[in-house]
Protein backbone atom coordinates (compact mmCIF):
# COMPACT_ATOMS: atom_id res chain seq x y z
CA MET A 1 -77.76 -101.78 71.87
CA THR A 2 -76.62 -104.65 68.81
CA PRO A 3 -77.25 -108.29 70.19
CA ARG A 4 -72.93 -109.23 70.73
CA ALA A 5 -72.79 -112.48 68.05
CA ARG A 6 -72.85 -116.10 69.44
CA ALA A 7 -69.95 -117.43 69.39
CA PHE A 8 -70.00 -121.34 68.00
CA PRO A 9 -66.98 -123.88 68.13
CA THR A 10 -65.06 -124.20 64.67
CA LEU A 11 -62.37 -125.81 63.07
CA GLU A 12 -61.34 -122.38 61.86
CA SER A 13 -57.47 -122.74 62.89
CA ALA A 14 -54.97 -125.72 62.74
CA PRO A 15 -54.80 -126.09 66.41
CA ALA A 16 -59.11 -127.03 66.72
CA ARG A 17 -58.47 -129.03 63.90
CA ARG A 18 -55.48 -130.81 65.49
CA THR A 19 -57.53 -131.32 69.04
CA ALA A 20 -60.77 -132.61 66.67
CA ALA A 21 -59.02 -135.60 64.90
CA ALA A 22 -56.92 -136.31 68.03
CA ALA A 23 -60.37 -136.83 69.24
CA VAL A 24 -62.15 -139.13 66.86
CA ALA A 25 -59.33 -141.11 66.52
CA ALA A 26 -59.82 -141.23 70.59
CA ALA A 27 -63.14 -142.28 70.50
CA ASP A 28 -63.18 -145.01 67.87
CA PRO A 29 -59.59 -147.28 66.82
CA ALA A 30 -61.00 -147.33 62.91
CA MET A 31 -60.78 -143.83 62.43
CA ALA A 32 -57.72 -143.51 64.50
CA ARG A 33 -56.25 -146.18 61.72
CA LEU A 34 -57.67 -143.88 59.61
CA ILE A 35 -56.62 -140.28 60.71
CA GLU A 36 -53.04 -142.18 60.43
CA GLN A 37 -53.66 -143.10 56.99
CA VAL A 38 -54.66 -139.64 55.88
CA GLY A 39 -53.13 -137.24 58.01
CA PRO A 40 -54.59 -133.48 59.02
CA LEU A 41 -57.35 -132.70 58.88
CA GLU A 42 -57.57 -130.15 56.17
CA ILE A 43 -61.07 -127.72 54.92
CA ARG A 44 -60.90 -126.11 51.61
CA PRO A 45 -60.69 -122.35 51.16
CA ALA A 46 -64.46 -120.61 52.26
CA ILE A 47 -65.37 -119.38 49.08
CA GLY A 48 -66.41 -115.69 49.44
CA THR A 49 -69.41 -114.71 50.38
CA HIS A 50 -71.85 -116.92 51.87
CA PHE A 51 -74.60 -116.40 49.40
CA ALA A 52 -71.78 -117.36 46.77
CA ALA A 53 -71.02 -120.38 48.94
CA LEU A 54 -74.52 -121.14 49.08
CA ALA A 55 -74.82 -121.25 44.70
CA ARG A 56 -72.15 -122.83 44.13
CA SER A 57 -73.31 -125.46 46.91
CA ILE A 58 -76.91 -125.79 44.26
CA MET A 59 -74.46 -126.40 41.59
CA PHE A 60 -72.88 -129.36 43.10
CA GLN A 61 -75.94 -131.04 44.13
CA GLN A 62 -76.64 -134.31 42.49
CA LEU A 63 -73.49 -134.05 40.39
CA ALA A 64 -70.07 -135.12 40.14
CA GLY A 65 -67.67 -133.06 41.06
CA ALA A 66 -65.71 -132.25 37.47
CA ALA A 67 -69.37 -131.27 36.16
CA ALA A 68 -70.23 -129.45 38.52
CA ALA A 69 -67.20 -127.60 38.74
CA ALA A 70 -67.64 -126.63 34.41
CA ILE A 71 -71.39 -125.27 35.83
CA HIS A 72 -70.05 -123.44 38.82
CA GLY A 73 -66.86 -122.33 36.63
CA ARG A 74 -69.61 -120.93 33.97
CA LEU A 75 -72.04 -119.28 35.84
CA VAL A 76 -68.88 -117.05 38.02
CA ALA A 77 -67.86 -116.18 34.02
CA THR A 78 -71.51 -115.56 32.91
CA LEU A 79 -72.24 -113.16 36.30
CA GLY A 80 -69.06 -111.68 35.75
CA GLY A 81 -66.99 -112.99 38.71
CA GLU A 82 -69.04 -111.77 40.94
CA VAL A 83 -71.71 -114.16 42.22
CA SER A 84 -74.29 -112.00 44.33
CA ALA A 85 -77.73 -111.88 44.21
CA GLN A 86 -77.87 -108.96 42.50
CA SER A 87 -75.46 -110.23 39.68
CA VAL A 88 -78.35 -112.88 39.97
CA LEU A 89 -81.46 -111.12 38.97
CA ALA A 90 -79.20 -108.80 37.16
CA ALA A 91 -78.97 -111.70 34.16
CA ASP A 92 -80.68 -113.14 31.54
CA PRO A 93 -82.02 -116.66 32.48
CA ALA A 94 -82.12 -117.68 29.04
CA ASP A 95 -78.37 -116.71 29.64
CA LEU A 96 -77.76 -119.16 33.25
CA ARG A 97 -79.11 -121.64 30.73
CA ARG A 98 -76.94 -121.79 28.51
CA ALA A 99 -73.86 -122.03 31.48
CA GLY A 100 -75.08 -125.07 31.76
CA LEU A 101 -77.77 -124.64 34.63
CA SER A 102 -80.47 -126.77 34.62
CA ALA A 103 -84.47 -125.56 34.79
CA ALA A 104 -84.02 -126.94 38.70
CA LYS A 105 -80.65 -125.05 39.28
CA LEU A 106 -82.14 -121.89 38.14
CA ALA A 107 -85.37 -121.67 40.34
CA SER A 108 -83.48 -122.46 43.24
CA LEU A 109 -80.47 -119.68 41.73
CA ARG A 110 -83.36 -117.38 41.15
CA ASP A 111 -85.31 -118.27 44.21
CA LEU A 112 -82.29 -117.56 46.87
CA ALA A 113 -81.69 -114.02 44.75
CA GLU A 114 -85.53 -113.03 45.81
CA ARG A 115 -85.47 -114.48 48.93
CA THR A 116 -82.23 -112.71 50.41
CA ALA A 117 -82.67 -109.46 47.99
CA SER A 118 -85.93 -108.86 49.56
CA GLY A 119 -84.53 -110.14 52.91
CA GLU A 120 -86.79 -113.23 53.82
CA VAL A 121 -83.52 -115.01 53.98
CA PRO A 122 -81.53 -112.72 55.61
CA LEU A 123 -77.71 -113.93 55.04
CA ASP A 124 -75.94 -111.18 57.34
CA GLY A 125 -75.24 -112.60 60.55
CA ILE A 126 -76.24 -115.73 59.93
CA GLU A 127 -73.33 -116.91 62.03
CA ALA A 128 -74.63 -115.50 65.43
CA LEU A 129 -77.30 -118.29 64.41
CA PRO A 130 -77.54 -122.20 66.39
CA ASP A 131 -76.56 -125.28 64.06
CA ASP A 132 -80.60 -125.84 63.77
CA GLU A 133 -82.19 -122.59 63.27
CA VAL A 134 -79.15 -122.23 60.02
CA VAL A 135 -80.33 -125.50 58.39
CA GLU A 136 -84.21 -123.82 59.24
CA ARG A 137 -83.82 -120.60 57.95
CA LEU A 138 -81.87 -121.48 55.13
CA SER A 139 -84.17 -124.33 53.83
CA ARG A 140 -86.60 -122.43 52.76
CA VAL A 141 -85.25 -121.62 49.82
CA ARG A 142 -86.67 -123.84 46.83
CA GLY A 143 -84.46 -126.50 46.49
CA ILE A 144 -82.31 -126.19 49.25
CA GLY A 145 -82.62 -129.30 52.01
CA ARG A 146 -81.08 -129.95 54.69
CA TRP A 147 -78.06 -131.39 53.21
CA THR A 148 -76.89 -127.99 51.27
CA ALA A 149 -77.30 -126.26 54.67
CA GLU A 150 -75.14 -128.06 56.91
CA MET A 151 -72.06 -128.36 53.74
CA PHE A 152 -72.65 -124.84 54.33
CA LEU A 153 -72.65 -125.30 58.11
CA MET A 154 -68.86 -127.36 57.73
CA PHE A 155 -66.89 -125.66 54.38
CA GLU A 156 -68.60 -121.64 55.26
CA LEU A 157 -69.25 -121.35 58.60
CA ARG A 158 -66.93 -124.43 59.55
CA ARG A 159 -68.64 -125.53 62.61
CA ALA A 160 -67.33 -128.22 64.56
CA ASP A 161 -70.14 -130.83 65.22
CA VAL A 162 -72.23 -131.24 62.03
CA TRP A 163 -72.26 -134.59 61.34
CA PRO A 164 -74.15 -135.07 57.84
CA VAL A 165 -75.91 -138.47 57.82
CA ASP A 166 -77.27 -138.38 54.69
CA ASP A 167 -74.70 -138.03 52.68
CA LEU A 168 -73.31 -141.12 50.24
CA GLY A 169 -70.06 -139.89 50.75
CA VAL A 170 -69.79 -140.24 54.64
CA ARG A 171 -71.94 -143.14 54.85
CA GLN A 172 -69.69 -145.05 52.12
CA GLY A 173 -66.81 -143.81 54.48
CA TRP A 174 -67.43 -144.73 57.63
CA ARG A 175 -68.82 -148.01 55.64
CA LEU A 176 -64.54 -148.48 54.36
CA ALA A 177 -63.66 -147.25 57.99
CA HIS A 178 -64.86 -149.88 59.85
CA GLY A 179 -64.37 -152.70 57.18
CA ALA A 180 -68.82 -153.39 56.85
CA ASP A 181 -70.53 -155.26 54.47
CA ALA A 182 -73.17 -152.71 53.51
CA MET A 183 -73.62 -148.86 54.64
CA LEU A 184 -75.18 -147.89 57.52
CA PRO A 185 -78.79 -146.28 57.01
CA PRO A 186 -79.01 -142.72 58.25
CA ARG A 187 -81.04 -143.64 61.89
CA ALA A 188 -77.89 -145.95 62.58
CA LEU A 189 -75.12 -143.48 62.38
CA GLN A 190 -76.12 -140.58 63.39
CA LEU A 191 -76.49 -143.43 67.22
CA GLU A 192 -72.52 -144.06 65.86
CA GLY A 193 -71.96 -140.17 65.59
CA GLU A 194 -72.72 -139.65 69.15
CA ARG A 195 -69.27 -140.40 70.57
CA PHE A 196 -68.11 -138.37 68.51
CA ARG A 197 -69.09 -134.76 69.77
CA PRO A 198 -68.53 -132.06 69.25
CA TYR A 199 -65.91 -132.70 66.61
CA ARG A 200 -68.80 -134.69 64.30
CA SER A 201 -67.12 -132.46 60.86
CA ALA A 202 -64.09 -133.66 61.85
CA ALA A 203 -65.57 -137.35 61.60
CA ALA A 204 -67.41 -136.85 58.22
CA TRP A 205 -64.09 -135.51 57.04
CA TYR A 206 -62.25 -138.45 57.48
CA CYS A 207 -65.29 -140.62 56.42
CA TRP A 208 -65.39 -138.44 52.68
CA GLN A 209 -61.36 -138.98 52.86
CA ALA A 210 -62.00 -142.81 53.38
CA VAL A 211 -63.91 -142.68 49.94
CA HIS A 212 -61.19 -140.66 48.36
CA LEU A 213 -58.06 -143.25 49.71
CA SER A 214 -60.12 -146.16 47.89
CA ARG A 215 -60.91 -145.21 44.73
CA ALA A 216 -56.95 -144.33 44.25
CA ARG A 217 -56.16 -147.30 45.39
CA ASP A 218 -58.67 -148.88 42.99
CA THR A 219 -57.57 -146.74 39.71
CA PRO A 220 -54.96 -148.04 37.39
CA ARG A 221 -51.54 -146.38 37.35
CA GLY A 222 -49.68 -145.83 33.68
């Protein structure tokens, strides 16, 4: 008999997102003010397959959004619109480099494809694993660390209680929301996040929005 998939709280539905935002607002007046400014919690659509989502995350590592999106678009085009372990392994590495992948990103993408295809890092059924086990499994892949795994948990699996304290956007957004002079170190931010369990993903999302609001205010019009 196939084991039943374990259910974990997610932010998949609109009611769940409203509940999460309300809980974060109730736990912290500064976050409540931010939530009032930003409005409803919205999460971008899932990429498609788990493999495609991880490939996208690899493209976005340590790059500005526009540059990463351009490289990702060229990667998808080079692979004929299908980003899978099989299409990556079948592609000429030189073509992938011409799409804009650095040597490190190419090595990470191919390692993901090889380990997925071999079954060493299975992605089917990964949604049934607890957060820490997802992080451990994905971290076996070259170039995938905790941050990439946490982004996968939040945006692909829609997990409700992820708190990526090493993310500079989350740290900066927390500083902006609370009017602090400096960003908190990850360990201190980890402790601050405890008040938002089991909805820390919502708190992280609103921290990112604080950064977007700040940039919008600082951008000259016209």
